[in-house]
Amino acid sequence: MNPFVLISEYFWMIAIIVTFINWTMFRKRAKKHIDENPELKEGYEALFRGYIVWMNIPWVVMGIGCTVGGVSSVWHYFRPRDGNPYVLAWFASVFLLWVSSTFWLLFRGGAEKLVRHPGAMEFRYGFKSKDITNPTLIKSLWLLALIGGVIAAVAMWSMDIPIPNFR
């Protein structure tokens, strides 16, 4: 089978697998910090649960659309203007995730919690990584990423993006 077809049809599953790989790496990075400072364990456990649940919501919604909703490939999610209810549900899940994440980071101490738990937020360059230790930097990076996401969403809603056919 054509690998582009597999990626197109099962992108949601690949995204879930990648999320679990990242979750596993996060847990591995955190283990040494928990061993050194056991009182951080409860906070890490909350971050682990939050990460695995919240980061998979859009991919589960996409998987439902692709398996029972008749959305034949990931490419349909680039065309929300077509009004497919499963695609719109995916966008709604992403928008709700953006709102809840922004609220948590900016107003509920989320950025500060990430700073208190080393390994949760790292900046990688080459083969080296460094923990981000400034909550203002975390908030700024989030807002920058959010602006990029909003621009991409506006583009998807306003442009007539063609759906490739790899079959």
N, C-alpha and C. Protein backbone atom coordinates (compact mmCIF):
# COMPACT_ATOMS: atom_id res chain seq x y z
N MET A 1 0.85 -1.19 0.00
CA MET A 1 0.00 0.00 0.00
C MET A 1 0.89 1.25 0.00
N ASN A 2 0.42 2.27 -0.66
CA ASN A 2 1.11 3.54 -0.76
C ASN A 2 1.26 4.17 0.63
N PRO A 3 2.50 4.53 1.04
CA PRO A 3 2.67 5.12 2.39
C PRO A 3 1.93 6.44 2.56
N PHE A 4 1.74 7.21 1.49
CA PHE A 4 1.00 8.46 1.59
C PHE A 4 -0.47 8.21 1.92
N VAL A 5 -1.00 7.10 1.43
CA VAL A 5 -2.38 6.74 1.75
C VAL A 5 -2.49 6.39 3.23
N LEU A 6 -1.54 5.60 3.72
CA LEU A 6 -1.55 5.23 5.14
C LEU A 6 -1.46 6.46 6.03
N ILE A 7 -0.55 7.36 5.70
CA ILE A 7 -0.40 8.59 6.50
C ILE A 7 -1.67 9.43 6.41
N SER A 8 -2.23 9.54 5.22
CA SER A 8 -3.44 10.35 5.03
C SER A 8 -4.62 9.80 5.82
N GLU A 9 -4.77 8.49 5.82
CA GLU A 9 -5.92 7.88 6.47
C GLU A 9 -5.72 7.65 7.97
N TYR A 10 -4.48 7.49 8.40
CA TYR A 10 -4.22 7.14 9.80
C TYR A 10 -3.34 8.16 10.51
N PHE A 11 -3.35 9.40 10.04
CA PHE A 11 -2.57 10.45 10.69
C PHE A 11 -2.94 10.57 12.16
N TRP A 12 -4.22 10.47 12.46
CA TRP A 12 -4.68 10.59 13.83
C TRP A 12 -4.03 9.55 14.74
N MET A 13 -3.88 8.33 14.23
CA MET A 13 -3.28 7.26 15.02
C MET A 13 -1.78 7.52 15.20
N ILE A 14 -1.13 8.01 14.16
CA ILE A 14 0.28 8.36 14.26
C ILE A 14 0.46 9.45 15.31
N ALA A 15 -0.42 10.44 15.32
CA ALA A 15 -0.34 11.53 16.29
C ALA A 15 -0.52 11.02 17.72
N ILE A 16 -1.42 10.08 17.92
CA ILE A 16 -1.61 9.49 19.25
C ILE A 16 -0.36 8.73 19.68
N ILE A 17 0.23 7.98 18.77
CA ILE A 17 1.46 7.24 19.08
C ILE A 17 2.59 8.20 19.44
N VAL A 18 2.74 9.28 18.68
CA VAL A 18 3.78 10.28 18.97
C VAL A 18 3.52 10.93 20.33
N THR A 19 2.26 11.20 20.65
CA THR A 19 1.93 11.78 21.94
C THR A 19 2.34 10.84 23.07
N PHE A 20 2.09 9.55 22.91
CA PHE A 20 2.49 8.58 23.93
C PHE A 20 4.02 8.46 24.03
N ILE A 21 4.71 8.56 22.90
CA ILE A 21 6.18 8.54 22.94
C ILE A 21 6.69 9.76 23.70
N ASN A 22 6.14 10.94 23.40
CA ASN A 22 6.56 12.16 24.12
C ASN A 22 6.23 12.06 25.61
N TRP A 23 5.07 11.49 25.94
CA TRP A 23 4.67 11.29 27.34
C TRP A 23 5.67 10.39 28.05
N THR A 24 6.11 9.32 27.38
CA THR A 24 7.08 8.39 27.95
C THR A 24 8.42 9.09 28.17
N MET A 25 8.83 9.91 27.21
CA MET A 25 10.09 10.64 27.36
C MET A 25 9.98 11.66 28.50
N PHE A 26 8.84 12.31 28.63
CA PHE A 26 8.62 13.26 29.72
C PHE A 26 8.72 12.54 31.06
N ARG A 27 8.08 11.38 31.17
CA ARG A 27 8.14 10.60 32.41
C ARG A 27 9.58 10.20 32.73
N LYS A 28 10.32 9.82 31.70
CA LYS A 28 11.72 9.41 31.90
C LYS A 28 12.55 10.60 32.38
N ARG A 29 12.36 11.78 31.76
CA ARG A 29 13.10 12.98 32.21
C ARG A 29 12.73 13.34 33.64
N ALA A 30 11.46 13.17 33.99
CA ALA A 30 10.99 13.57 35.32
C ALA A 30 11.46 12.61 36.41
N LYS A 31 11.70 11.35 36.06
CA LYS A 31 12.04 10.35 37.07
C LYS A 31 13.23 10.77 37.92
N LYS A 32 14.28 11.28 37.29
CA LYS A 32 15.46 11.68 38.07
C LYS A 32 15.14 12.84 39.00
N HIS A 33 14.25 13.73 38.57
CA HIS A 33 13.87 14.86 39.42
C HIS A 33 12.99 14.39 40.59
N ILE A 34 12.14 13.41 40.34
CA ILE A 34 11.30 12.85 41.40
C ILE A 34 12.17 12.10 42.41
N ASP A 35 13.16 11.35 41.90
CA ASP A 35 14.07 10.62 42.80
C ASP A 35 14.84 11.59 43.70
N GLU A 36 15.25 12.74 43.14
CA GLU A 36 16.00 13.73 43.91
C GLU A 36 15.10 14.54 44.85
N ASN A 37 13.84 14.71 44.48
CA ASN A 37 12.93 15.58 45.22
C ASN A 37 11.53 14.95 45.22
N PRO A 38 11.28 13.94 46.07
CA PRO A 38 10.03 13.18 46.04
C PRO A 38 8.75 14.02 46.23
N GLU A 39 8.85 15.19 46.86
CA GLU A 39 7.64 16.00 47.04
C GLU A 39 7.12 16.57 45.71
N LEU A 40 7.89 16.45 44.64
CA LEU A 40 7.42 16.89 43.33
C LEU A 40 6.57 15.83 42.61
N LYS A 41 6.55 14.61 43.18
CA LYS A 41 5.89 13.50 42.49
C LYS A 41 4.43 13.79 42.17
N GLU A 42 3.68 14.30 43.13
CA GLU A 42 2.25 14.56 42.91
C GLU A 42 2.04 15.57 41.78
N GLY A 43 2.85 16.61 41.73
CA GLY A 43 2.75 17.59 40.65
C GLY A 43 3.07 16.99 39.30
N TYR A 44 4.12 16.16 39.26
CA TYR A 44 4.46 15.49 38.01
C TYR A 44 3.32 14.57 37.55
N GLU A 45 2.75 13.82 38.49
CA GLU A 45 1.66 12.91 38.13
C GLU A 45 0.49 13.68 37.52
N ALA A 46 0.17 14.85 38.08
CA ALA A 46 -0.90 15.68 37.51
C ALA A 46 -0.52 16.15 36.11
N LEU A 47 0.74 16.54 35.93
CA LEU A 47 1.18 16.96 34.59
C LEU A 47 1.13 15.80 33.60
N PHE A 48 1.55 14.60 34.05
CA PHE A 48 1.50 13.42 33.17
C PHE A 48 0.07 13.14 32.71
N ARG A 49 -0.86 13.13 33.69
CA ARG A 49 -2.28 12.86 33.36
C ARG A 49 -2.83 13.92 32.42
N GLY A 50 -2.56 15.17 32.75
CA GLY A 50 -3.06 16.26 31.92
C GLY A 50 -2.52 16.19 30.51
N TYR A 51 -1.25 15.90 30.38
CA TYR A 51 -0.62 15.83 29.07
C TYR A 51 -1.26 14.74 28.22
N ILE A 52 -1.34 13.54 28.77
CA ILE A 52 -1.81 12.40 27.97
C ILE A 52 -3.28 12.56 27.60
N VAL A 53 -4.09 13.14 28.48
CA VAL A 53 -5.51 13.33 28.19
C VAL A 53 -5.71 14.49 27.22
N TRP A 54 -5.24 15.67 27.60
CA TRP A 54 -5.53 16.87 26.81
C TRP A 54 -4.87 16.86 25.45
N MET A 55 -3.66 16.34 25.35
CA MET A 55 -2.96 16.36 24.06
C MET A 55 -3.54 15.36 23.07
N ASN A 56 -4.30 14.39 23.56
CA ASN A 56 -4.88 13.41 22.64
C ASN A 56 -6.31 13.73 22.22
N ILE A 57 -6.94 14.69 22.87
CA ILE A 57 -8.34 14.99 22.54
C ILE A 57 -8.53 15.28 21.04
N PRO A 58 -7.76 16.17 20.43
CA PRO A 58 -8.00 16.42 19.00
C PRO A 58 -7.79 15.18 18.13
N TRP A 59 -6.83 14.35 18.52
CA TRP A 59 -6.53 13.17 17.69
C TRP A 59 -7.62 12.10 17.84
N VAL A 60 -8.19 11.98 19.03
CA VAL A 60 -9.33 11.05 19.21
C VAL A 60 -10.53 11.55 18.41
N VAL A 61 -10.78 12.86 18.46
CA VAL A 61 -11.89 13.43 17.69
C VAL A 61 -11.66 13.20 16.19
N MET A 62 -10.42 13.40 15.74
CA MET A 62 -10.11 13.16 14.34
C MET A 62 -10.28 11.67 14.00
N GLY A 63 -9.84 10.80 14.90
CA GLY A 63 -9.98 9.36 14.66
C GLY A 63 -11.43 8.94 14.54
N ILE A 64 -12.30 9.54 15.35
CA ILE A 64 -13.74 9.24 15.24
C ILE A 64 -14.24 9.68 13.87
N GLY A 65 -13.84 10.87 13.45
CA GLY A 65 -14.26 11.36 12.13
C GLY A 65 -13.76 10.48 11.01
N CYS A 66 -12.54 9.97 11.14
CA CYS A 66 -11.95 9.15 10.08
C CYS A 66 -12.48 7.72 10.08
N THR A 67 -12.90 7.22 11.24
CA THR A 67 -13.34 5.82 11.29
C THR A 67 -14.85 5.65 11.16
N VAL A 68 -15.62 6.56 11.73
CA VAL A 68 -17.08 6.41 11.65
C VAL A 68 -17.77 7.58 10.96
N GLY A 69 -17.04 8.66 10.75
CA GLY A 69 -17.66 9.86 10.22
C GLY A 69 -17.52 10.08 8.73
N GLY A 70 -16.88 9.15 8.07
CA GLY A 70 -16.77 9.28 6.63
C GLY A 70 -15.73 10.28 6.15
N VAL A 71 -14.86 10.75 7.04
CA VAL A 71 -13.78 11.64 6.62
C VAL A 71 -12.66 10.73 6.12
N SER A 72 -12.38 10.79 4.83
CA SER A 72 -11.50 9.78 4.24
C SER A 72 -10.01 10.02 4.46
N SER A 73 -9.63 11.26 4.81
CA SER A 73 -8.21 11.51 5.04
C SER A 73 -8.02 12.77 5.88
N VAL A 74 -6.80 12.92 6.38
CA VAL A 74 -6.44 14.08 7.18
C VAL A 74 -6.60 15.37 6.38
N TRP A 75 -6.51 15.28 5.07
CA TRP A 75 -6.55 16.47 4.22
C TRP A 75 -7.88 17.20 4.31
N HIS A 76 -8.94 16.50 4.65
CA HIS A 76 -10.26 17.15 4.79
C HIS A 76 -10.28 18.13 5.96
N TYR A 77 -9.38 17.93 6.91
CA TYR A 77 -9.33 18.83 8.07
C TYR A 77 -8.70 20.18 7.71
N PHE A 78 -8.13 20.27 6.53
CA PHE A 78 -7.63 21.56 6.04
C PHE A 78 -8.74 22.36 5.35
N ARG A 79 -9.95 21.81 5.30
CA ARG A 79 -11.07 22.46 4.64
C ARG A 79 -12.30 22.55 5.55
N PRO A 80 -12.21 23.26 6.65
CA PRO A 80 -13.38 23.37 7.54
C PRO A 80 -14.54 24.12 6.87
N ARG A 81 -14.23 24.91 5.88
CA ARG A 81 -15.27 25.69 5.19
C ARG A 81 -16.28 24.79 4.48
N ASP A 82 -15.95 23.51 4.27
CA ASP A 82 -16.90 22.59 3.64
C ASP A 82 -18.04 22.22 4.58
N GLY A 83 -17.86 22.47 5.88
CA GLY A 83 -18.93 22.24 6.85
C GLY A 83 -19.11 20.81 7.31
N ASN A 84 -18.14 19.94 7.08
CA ASN A 84 -18.24 18.56 7.56
C ASN A 84 -18.31 18.60 9.09
N PRO A 85 -19.34 18.00 9.69
CA PRO A 85 -19.50 18.09 11.15
C PRO A 85 -18.34 17.48 11.94
N TYR A 86 -17.69 16.46 11.40
CA TYR A 86 -16.57 15.85 12.10
C TYR A 86 -15.33 16.75 12.05
N VAL A 87 -15.16 17.43 10.94
CA VAL A 87 -14.07 18.40 10.83
C VAL A 87 -14.35 19.58 11.76
N LEU A 88 -15.59 20.03 11.79
CA LEU A 88 -15.94 21.14 12.69
C LEU A 88 -15.77 20.73 14.16
N ALA A 89 -16.08 19.49 14.48
CA ALA A 89 -15.88 19.00 15.86
C ALA A 89 -14.39 19.01 16.20
N TRP A 90 -13.56 18.65 15.23
CA TRP A 90 -12.12 18.68 15.47
C TRP A 90 -11.66 20.11 15.75
N PHE A 91 -12.12 21.06 14.93
CA PHE A 91 -11.75 22.45 15.16
C PHE A 91 -12.26 22.93 16.52
N ALA A 92 -13.45 22.53 16.89
CA ALA A 92 -14.00 22.92 18.20
C ALA A 92 -13.11 22.36 19.32
N SER A 93 -12.65 21.12 19.17
CA SER A 93 -11.78 20.54 20.21
C SER A 93 -10.46 21.30 20.30
N VAL A 94 -9.92 21.70 19.17
CA VAL A 94 -8.67 22.46 19.18
C VAL A 94 -8.89 23.83 19.81
N PHE A 95 -9.96 24.51 19.45
CA PHE A 95 -10.24 25.82 20.01
C PHE A 95 -10.46 25.74 21.52
N LEU A 96 -11.20 24.73 21.97
CA LEU A 96 -11.40 24.56 23.41
C LEU A 96 -10.09 24.25 24.13
N LEU A 97 -9.24 23.48 23.49
CA LEU A 97 -7.93 23.19 24.06
C LEU A 97 -7.10 24.46 24.15
N TRP A 98 -7.15 25.30 23.13
CA TRP A 98 -6.42 26.57 23.16
C TRP A 98 -6.92 27.45 24.30
N VAL A 99 -8.23 27.56 24.44
CA VAL A 99 -8.79 28.42 25.49
C VAL A 99 -8.43 27.89 26.87
N SER A 100 -8.62 26.59 27.09
CA SER A 100 -8.34 26.03 28.41
C SER A 100 -6.84 26.08 28.73
N SER A 101 -5.98 25.83 27.74
CA SER A 101 -4.54 25.90 27.97
C SER A 101 -4.09 27.32 28.27
N THR A 102 -4.64 28.28 27.54
CA THR A 102 -4.29 29.68 27.78
C THR A 102 -4.71 30.09 29.18
N PHE A 103 -5.93 29.73 29.57
CA PHE A 103 -6.41 30.06 30.90
C PHE A 103 -5.53 29.43 31.97
N TRP A 104 -5.17 28.13 31.79
CA TRP A 104 -4.34 27.43 32.77
C TRP A 104 -2.95 28.07 32.87
N LEU A 105 -2.33 28.34 31.73
CA LEU A 105 -0.98 28.90 31.73
C LEU A 105 -0.93 30.32 32.29
N LEU A 106 -1.89 31.15 31.89
CA LEU A 106 -1.83 32.57 32.24
C LEU A 106 -2.46 32.90 33.59
N PHE A 107 -3.54 32.21 33.95
CA PHE A 107 -4.32 32.62 35.12
C PHE A 107 -4.42 31.59 36.24
N ARG A 108 -4.01 30.37 35.98
CA ARG A 108 -4.13 29.32 37.00
C ARG A 108 -2.77 28.80 37.46
N GLY A 109 -1.71 29.52 37.15
CA GLY A 109 -0.38 29.13 37.62
C GLY A 109 0.28 28.02 36.84
N GLY A 110 -0.22 27.73 35.64
CA GLY A 110 0.34 26.63 34.85
C GLY A 110 1.79 26.84 34.46
N ALA A 111 2.14 28.05 34.03
CA ALA A 111 3.53 28.32 33.65
C ALA A 111 4.45 28.15 34.84
N GLU A 112 4.02 28.62 36.00
CA GLU A 112 4.82 28.48 37.21
C GLU A 112 4.97 27.01 37.61
N LYS A 113 3.90 26.24 37.42
CA LYS A 113 3.96 24.81 37.73
C LYS A 113 4.96 24.11 36.81
N LEU A 114 4.96 24.49 35.54
CA LEU A 114 5.91 23.89 34.61
C LEU A 114 7.35 24.22 35.00
N VAL A 115 7.59 25.43 35.47
CA VAL A 115 8.93 25.83 35.91
C VAL A 115 9.34 25.04 37.15
N ARG A 116 8.39 24.81 38.07
CA ARG A 116 8.70 24.07 39.31
C ARG A 116 8.98 22.59 39.06
N HIS A 117 8.65 22.11 37.87
CA HIS A 117 8.83 20.70 37.55
C HIS A 117 9.79 20.56 36.37
N PRO A 118 11.10 20.49 36.65
CA PRO A 118 12.10 20.41 35.58
C PRO A 118 11.82 19.23 34.66
N GLY A 119 12.11 19.44 33.39
CA GLY A 119 11.88 18.41 32.39
C GLY A 119 10.54 18.56 31.70
N ALA A 120 9.65 19.36 32.28
CA ALA A 120 8.32 19.55 31.67
C ALA A 120 8.41 20.47 30.46
N MET A 121 9.23 21.50 30.55
CA MET A 121 9.40 22.44 29.45
C MET A 121 10.89 22.57 29.16
N GLU A 122 11.28 22.05 28.02
CA GLU A 122 12.69 22.12 27.64
C GLU A 122 12.82 22.86 26.31
N PHE A 123 13.93 23.52 26.17
CA PHE A 123 14.30 24.13 24.90
C PHE A 123 15.41 23.28 24.33
N ARG A 124 15.21 22.74 23.17
CA ARG A 124 16.21 21.86 22.57
C ARG A 124 16.92 22.58 21.44
N TYR A 125 18.22 22.42 21.41
CA TYR A 125 19.02 22.92 20.31
C TYR A 125 20.12 21.90 20.06
N GLY A 126 20.12 21.38 18.87
CA GLY A 126 21.05 20.30 18.56
C GLY A 126 20.77 19.10 19.44
N PHE A 127 21.82 18.58 20.06
CA PHE A 127 21.67 17.43 20.94
C PHE A 127 21.59 17.84 22.41
N LYS A 128 21.54 19.14 22.65
CA LYS A 128 21.48 19.64 24.02
C LYS A 128 20.08 20.15 24.32
N SER A 129 19.73 20.13 25.59
CA SER A 129 18.46 20.69 26.00
C SER A 129 18.66 21.45 27.30
N LYS A 130 17.80 22.41 27.50
CA LYS A 130 17.88 23.24 28.70
C LYS A 130 16.45 23.51 29.15
N ASP A 131 16.21 23.34 30.46
CA ASP A 131 14.89 23.64 31.01
C ASP A 131 14.59 25.13 30.90
N ILE A 132 13.35 25.44 30.59
CA ILE A 132 12.92 26.83 30.61
C ILE A 132 12.52 27.13 32.05
N THR A 133 13.18 28.13 32.63
CA THR A 133 12.99 28.42 34.06
C THR A 133 12.29 29.75 34.30
N ASN A 134 11.76 30.35 33.26
CA ASN A 134 11.11 31.65 33.39
C ASN A 134 9.65 31.52 32.96
N PRO A 135 8.70 31.68 33.89
CA PRO A 135 7.28 31.54 33.53
C PRO A 135 6.84 32.55 32.47
N THR A 136 7.43 33.73 32.48
CA THR A 136 7.08 34.74 31.47
C THR A 136 7.49 34.27 30.08
N LEU A 137 8.63 33.59 29.99
CA LEU A 137 9.06 33.05 28.70
C LEU A 137 8.10 31.96 28.23
N ILE A 138 7.67 31.09 29.14
CA ILE A 138 6.70 30.05 28.77
C ILE A 138 5.41 30.68 28.27
N LYS A 139 4.92 31.68 28.98
CA LYS A 139 3.70 32.36 28.55
C LYS A 139 3.89 33.03 27.20
N SER A 140 5.03 33.66 27.00
CA SER A 140 5.29 34.34 25.72
C SER A 140 5.38 33.35 24.58
N LEU A 141 6.07 32.23 24.80
CA LEU A 141 6.17 31.21 23.76
C LEU A 141 4.79 30.63 23.43
N TRP A 142 3.97 30.42 24.46
CA TRP A 142 2.61 29.92 24.24
C TRP A 142 1.81 30.90 23.40
N LEU A 143 1.87 32.18 23.76
CA LEU A 143 1.10 33.18 23.01
C LEU A 143 1.58 33.28 21.57
N LEU A 144 2.88 33.16 21.35
CA LEU A 144 3.42 33.16 19.99
C LEU A 144 2.91 31.96 19.20
N ALA A 145 2.94 30.78 19.82
CA ALA A 145 2.43 29.58 19.16
C ALA A 145 0.93 29.70 18.90
N LEU A 146 0.21 30.27 19.85
CA LEU A 146 -1.23 30.46 19.69
C LEU A 146 -1.54 31.38 18.51
N ILE A 147 -0.77 32.46 18.38
CA ILE A 147 -0.96 33.36 17.25
C ILE A 147 -0.72 32.61 15.94
N GLY A 148 0.32 31.79 15.89
CA GLY A 148 0.58 30.97 14.70
C GLY A 148 -0.57 30.03 14.41
N GLY A 149 -1.13 29.41 15.45
CA GLY A 149 -2.26 28.50 15.26
C GLY A 149 -3.49 29.23 14.76
N VAL A 150 -3.74 30.41 15.28
CA VAL A 150 -4.90 31.20 14.84
C VAL A 150 -4.73 31.60 13.38
N ILE A 151 -3.53 32.03 13.01
CA ILE A 151 -3.27 32.39 11.60
C ILE A 151 -3.50 31.19 10.69
N ALA A 152 -3.01 30.02 11.10
CA ALA A 152 -3.22 28.80 10.30
C ALA A 152 -4.71 28.46 10.20
N ALA A 153 -5.44 28.59 11.31
CA ALA A 153 -6.87 28.29 11.29
C ALA A 153 -7.62 29.25 10.37
N VAL A 154 -7.29 30.53 10.45
CA VAL A 154 -7.93 31.51 9.57
C VAL A 154 -7.64 31.18 8.10
N ALA A 155 -6.40 30.79 7.82
CA ALA A 155 -6.05 30.42 6.45
C ALA A 155 -6.87 29.21 5.99
N MET A 156 -7.01 28.21 6.85
CA MET A 156 -7.78 27.02 6.47
C MET A 156 -9.24 27.34 6.24
N TRP A 157 -9.79 28.25 7.03
CA TRP A 157 -11.20 28.62 6.88
C TRP A 157 -11.43 29.49 5.65
N SER A 158 -10.41 30.26 5.26
CA SER A 158 -10.64 31.23 4.19
C SER A 158 -10.12 30.79 2.82
N MET A 159 -9.17 29.87 2.80
CA MET A 159 -8.59 29.45 1.52
C MET A 159 -9.30 28.22 0.97
N ASP A 160 -9.26 28.07 -0.31
CA ASP A 160 -9.83 26.90 -0.98
C ASP A 160 -8.70 25.89 -1.20
N ILE A 161 -8.35 25.19 -0.14
CA ILE A 161 -7.21 24.26 -0.16
C ILE A 161 -7.64 22.96 -0.84
N PRO A 162 -6.93 22.56 -1.90
CA PRO A 162 -7.30 21.31 -2.59
C PRO A 162 -6.96 20.08 -1.73
N ILE A 163 -7.77 19.06 -1.86
CA ILE A 163 -7.53 17.80 -1.14
C ILE A 163 -6.79 16.86 -2.07
N PRO A 164 -5.55 16.49 -1.71
CA PRO A 164 -4.80 15.57 -2.57
C PRO A 164 -5.40 14.17 -2.54
N ASN A 165 -5.20 13.46 -3.62
CA ASN A 165 -5.68 12.08 -3.72
C ASN A 165 -4.47 11.22 -4.04
N PHE A 166 -4.04 10.42 -3.07
CA PHE A 166 -2.87 9.59 -3.25
C PHE A 166 -3.21 8.18 -3.71
N ARG A 167 -4.45 7.90 -3.97
CA ARG A 167 -4.85 6.55 -4.39
C ARG A 167 -4.61 6.35 -5.86
